[in-house]
Protein backbone atom coordinates (compact mmCIF):
# COMPACT_ATOMS: atom_id res chain seq x y z
CA MET A 1 -89.51 93.17 -117.95
CA SER A 2 -89.56 89.54 -119.17
CA ARG A 3 -88.41 88.18 -122.59
CA ILE A 4 -91.98 87.87 -123.59
CA SER A 5 -92.89 91.48 -122.85
CA VAL A 6 -89.79 92.74 -124.64
CA ARG A 7 -90.79 90.72 -127.76
CA GLY A 8 -94.29 91.95 -127.53
CA PHE A 9 -93.06 95.52 -127.19
CA ALA A 10 -90.89 95.13 -130.23
CA VAL A 11 -93.63 93.67 -132.38
CA ALA A 12 -96.13 96.41 -131.39
CA SER A 13 -93.65 99.09 -132.12
CA ALA A 14 -92.79 97.65 -135.49
CA THR A 15 -96.34 97.18 -136.32
CA ALA A 16 -97.10 100.79 -135.41
CA VAL A 17 -94.28 101.98 -137.56
CA THR A 18 -95.45 99.81 -140.52
CA THR A 19 -98.92 101.00 -140.11
CA VAL A 20 -97.88 104.62 -140.29
CA GLY A 21 -95.74 103.80 -143.30
CA ALA A 22 -98.66 102.16 -144.97
CA VAL A 23 -100.86 105.10 -144.37
CA VAL A 24 -98.33 107.47 -145.74
CA GLY A 25 -97.78 105.24 -148.67
CA VAL A 26 -101.44 105.11 -149.45
CA ALA A 27 -101.61 108.84 -149.02
CA ALA A 28 -98.79 109.05 -151.67
CA GLY A 29 -100.48 106.79 -153.98
CA SER A 30 -98.30 103.63 -153.28
CA THR A 31 -99.10 100.17 -151.89
CA LEU A 32 -97.02 97.68 -149.76
CA PRO A 33 -96.01 94.33 -151.06
CA ALA A 34 -98.45 91.51 -150.18
CA ASN A 35 -95.70 89.53 -148.40
CA ASP A 36 -94.27 92.51 -146.48
CA THR A 37 -95.80 91.94 -143.09
CA ALA A 38 -94.98 93.46 -139.79
CA SER A 39 -93.36 90.38 -138.49
CA ASP A 40 -90.98 90.03 -141.40
CA ALA A 41 -90.15 93.72 -141.17
CA THR A 42 -89.06 93.51 -137.53
CA ALA A 43 -87.64 90.00 -137.30
CA ALA A 44 -83.97 90.98 -137.02
CA ASP A 45 -84.65 93.73 -134.46
CA THR A 46 -86.94 91.52 -132.36
CA THR A 47 -84.29 88.67 -132.16
CA LEU A 48 -81.56 91.10 -130.91
CA LEU A 49 -83.85 92.46 -128.25
CA ALA A 50 -84.92 88.95 -127.12
CA ASP A 51 -81.28 87.79 -126.76
CA ILE A 52 -80.26 90.58 -124.37
CA PRO A 53 -80.74 89.23 -120.72
CA THR A 54 -83.18 91.20 -118.81
CA GLY A 55 -82.62 91.99 -115.13
CA GLN A 56 -84.41 88.88 -114.03
CA GLN A 57 -82.35 86.77 -116.40
CA ALA A 58 -79.10 88.24 -115.11
CA GLN A 59 -80.16 87.46 -111.54
CA VAL A 60 -80.78 83.95 -112.46
CA GLN A 61 -77.48 83.57 -114.13
CA THR A 62 -75.68 85.12 -111.27
CA ALA A 63 -77.49 82.80 -108.89
CA SER A 64 -76.41 79.86 -110.96
CA LEU A 65 -72.80 80.88 -111.00
CA THR A 66 -72.85 81.48 -107.31
CA GLN A 67 -74.36 78.04 -106.80
CA GLN A 68 -71.58 76.53 -109.03
CA ALA A 69 -69.00 78.37 -106.95
CA ASP A 70 -70.49 77.14 -103.64
CA THR A 71 -70.50 73.55 -104.91
CA GLN A 72 -66.94 73.72 -106.05
CA ALA A 73 -65.95 75.24 -102.74
CA ALA A 74 -67.77 72.46 -100.86
CA GLN A 75 -66.07 69.86 -102.93
CA ALA A 76 -62.69 71.43 -102.37
CA ASP A 77 -63.40 71.54 -98.69
CA ALA A 78 -64.37 67.92 -98.67
CA SER A 79 -61.30 66.85 -100.60
CA ALA A 80 -59.02 68.86 -98.21
CA LYS A 81 -60.64 67.30 -95.22
CA LYS A 82 -60.13 63.80 -96.72
CA ASP A 83 -56.61 64.61 -97.56
CA ALA A 84 -56.01 65.83 -93.92
CA GLU A 85 -57.69 62.67 -92.57
CA ALA A 86 -55.47 60.41 -94.74
CA ALA A 87 -52.37 62.28 -93.68
CA ALA A 88 -53.31 62.13 -90.04
CA ARG A 89 -53.88 58.26 -90.41
CA ILE A 90 -50.47 57.87 -92.14
CA GLN A 91 -48.79 59.95 -89.32
CA ALA A 92 -50.54 57.97 -86.69
CA ALA A 93 -49.30 54.67 -88.32
CA LYS A 94 -45.70 56.06 -88.37
CA ASP A 95 -45.94 57.07 -84.74
CA ALA A 96 -47.25 53.73 -83.71
CA LYS A 97 -44.46 51.97 -85.55
CA THR A 98 -41.84 54.21 -84.01
CA LYS A 99 -43.15 53.52 -80.55
CA LYS A 100 -43.34 49.81 -81.32
CA ASP A 101 -39.85 49.77 -82.60
CA ALA A 102 -38.62 51.71 -79.63
CA ALA A 103 -40.33 49.27 -77.23
CA GLU A 104 -38.91 46.30 -78.98
CA ALA A 105 -35.50 47.74 -79.08
CA LYS A 106 -35.74 48.37 -75.19
CA VAL A 107 -36.99 44.74 -74.60
CA LYS A 108 -34.09 43.43 -76.82
CA GLN A 109 -31.57 45.59 -74.89
CA GLU A 110 -32.85 44.51 -71.55
CA ARG A 111 -32.81 40.80 -72.72
CA GLU A 112 -29.24 41.16 -73.97
CA ALA A 113 -28.14 42.84 -70.71
CA LYS A 114 -29.67 39.89 -68.75
CA GLU A 115 -28.09 37.35 -71.03
CA ALA A 116 -24.73 39.07 -70.72
CA ALA A 117 -24.96 39.14 -66.95
CA SER A 118 -25.99 35.47 -66.95
CA ARG A 119 -22.98 34.54 -69.20
CA SER A 120 -20.64 36.67 -66.96
CA SER A 121 -21.93 34.79 -63.93
CA ALA A 122 -21.52 31.45 -65.58
CA ARG A 123 -18.11 32.39 -66.67
CA SER A 124 -17.04 33.36 -63.24
CA LYS A 125 -17.67 29.79 -61.99
CA ILE A 126 -15.49 28.23 -64.78
CA SER A 127 -12.07 27.30 -63.54
CA TYR A 128 -9.17 25.68 -65.24
CA THR A 129 -6.23 23.91 -63.67
CA GLN A 130 -3.32 26.42 -63.55
CA GLN A 131 -0.56 25.39 -65.89
CA SER A 132 2.86 26.65 -66.42
CA SER A 133 2.15 27.34 -70.07
CA TYR A 134 -0.64 26.99 -72.66
CA THR A 135 -0.72 26.19 -76.29
CA VAL A 136 -2.80 28.32 -78.73
CA ALA A 137 -5.16 25.44 -79.21
CA GLN A 138 -5.82 25.17 -75.55
CA ILE A 139 -6.51 28.92 -75.20
CA LYS A 140 -8.98 28.76 -78.11
CA ALA A 141 -10.67 25.83 -76.65
CA MET A 142 -11.18 27.78 -73.35
CA ALA A 143 -12.56 30.75 -75.31
CA GLN A 144 -15.10 28.64 -77.33
CA SER A 145 -16.30 27.17 -73.99
CA MET A 146 -17.04 30.62 -72.54
CA MET A 147 -19.17 32.17 -75.23
CA ALA A 148 -22.02 31.57 -77.69
CA SER A 149 -20.83 29.78 -80.79
CA ASP A 150 -21.91 32.75 -83.08
CA GLN A 151 -19.65 35.14 -81.11
CA TYR A 152 -16.54 33.22 -81.26
CA GLN A 153 -15.27 34.17 -84.62
CA CYS A 154 -15.60 37.82 -83.80
CA PHE A 155 -13.72 37.35 -80.65
CA SER A 156 -11.04 35.41 -82.34
CA ASN A 157 -10.66 38.16 -84.95
CA ILE A 158 -9.95 40.73 -82.29
CA VAL A 159 -7.50 38.44 -80.48
CA ASP A 160 -5.68 37.73 -83.74
CA HIS A 161 -5.14 41.33 -84.28
CA GLU A 162 -4.34 42.34 -80.69
CA SER A 163 -2.03 39.49 -79.50
CA GLY A 164 -2.01 36.67 -81.93
CA TRP A 165 -3.25 34.53 -79.18
CA ASN A 166 -0.23 35.22 -76.94
CA TYR A 167 -1.51 35.53 -73.42
CA GLN A 168 1.76 37.12 -72.27
CA ALA A 169 1.89 39.86 -75.15
CA GLN A 170 3.00 43.12 -73.99
CA ASN A 171 2.58 46.37 -75.97
CA PRO A 172 5.94 48.15 -76.36
CA THR A 173 4.45 51.63 -76.46
CA SER A 174 1.70 51.36 -73.68
CA ALA A 175 0.73 49.33 -70.70
CA ALA A 176 -1.63 47.03 -72.71
CA TYR A 177 -1.18 43.29 -71.91
CA GLY A 178 -2.50 39.86 -72.63
CA LEU A 179 -4.76 38.28 -75.22
CA VAL A 180 -7.16 41.17 -75.50
CA GLN A 181 -4.51 43.87 -74.75
CA SER A 182 -6.20 45.32 -71.66
CA ASN A 183 -4.82 48.80 -71.19
CA PRO A 184 -3.38 48.78 -68.44
CA GLY A 185 -3.30 45.04 -67.93
CA SER A 186 -4.00 45.39 -64.24
CA LYS A 187 -7.67 46.11 -65.13
CA MET A 188 -7.99 42.34 -65.65
CA ALA A 189 -7.46 41.82 -61.96
CA SER A 190 -11.21 42.31 -61.58
CA ALA A 191 -11.59 38.85 -63.20
CA GLY A 192 -8.96 37.18 -61.26
CA ALA A 193 -5.68 37.70 -59.40
CA ASP A 194 -3.92 35.46 -61.82
CA TRP A 195 -4.64 37.71 -64.88
CA GLN A 196 -0.84 37.83 -65.78
CA THR A 197 -0.44 34.02 -66.16
CA ASN A 198 -3.96 32.61 -66.78
CA PRO A 199 -5.55 33.01 -70.24
CA ALA A 200 -8.86 31.89 -68.92
CA THR A 201 -8.93 34.86 -66.65
CA GLN A 202 -7.98 37.20 -69.56
CA ILE A 203 -10.69 35.71 -71.67
CA LYS A 204 -13.34 36.18 -68.98
CA TRP A 205 -12.34 39.87 -68.50
CA GLY A 206 -12.29 40.47 -72.30
CA LEU A 207 -15.66 39.08 -72.85
CA ASN A 208 -17.22 41.06 -70.02
CA TYR A 209 -15.60 44.17 -71.38
CA MET A 210 -16.87 43.62 -74.95
CA GLU A 211 -20.41 42.76 -73.75
CA ASN A 212 -20.66 45.78 -71.43
CA ARG A 213 -19.26 48.28 -73.88
CA TYR A 214 -20.36 46.97 -77.31
CA GLY A 215 -23.12 44.44 -76.45
CA SER A 216 -21.26 41.43 -77.76
CA PRO A 217 -17.89 40.37 -79.23
CA CYS A 218 -19.29 40.84 -82.69
CA GLY A 219 -20.30 44.51 -81.77
CA ALA A 220 -16.70 45.01 -80.57
CA TRP A 221 -15.33 43.61 -83.78
CA SER A 222 -17.51 45.89 -85.83
CA PHE A 223 -16.15 48.87 -83.92
CA TRP A 224 -12.62 47.54 -84.27
CA GLN A 225 -12.90 47.25 -88.05
CA ALA A 226 -13.94 50.86 -88.24
CA ASN A 227 -11.28 52.24 -85.79
CA HIS A 228 -8.68 49.59 -85.56
CA SER A 229 -9.10 49.55 -81.70
CA TYR A 230 -11.90 48.89 -79.32
């Protein structure tokens, strides 16, 4: 039943009731007021009936709510998809950066290894006339000539702490010997048989050791600062 049919039914019913009342009133010898019409008598009742949703109206309202829910769900899905795509792009960028950093680190490591090998090879060709003794200034000059200028200070710091630039320094509590306090000192024989008396041989060995184990004299100095040994 539609809203119009309900309203019509209400009006018809009220009219019928009013008509009956009028007849009864006439029979009893009374009359209705001139302005008391059927529509005025049933206005309140008709309004209440019209405001009650019929079955068809309820279906329309339910369909509207369902459509709203579907729209909201679609919007939520779209938003979730957009967020997932954004997160995937961010993760992909992070993964790409990680791979790039790893590749660059590998290239740097390989380059440093080649440079170290090249320096080691160059140092092996350096020779100094054997002397009966050496001054600290002479030993420092040897060291400076065998390494990059930005590494010398780190090397010097280690030698300062280990031997005070005494190429014949012996550790009283271990077999460590020489400028860089190789332990035991005989390890330096790999750089030359004169390791006990030639500071150049000791410097060559010390530089090779620092580069192979710590990457550079500055790498060795950083470790030494943290551990007071290297």
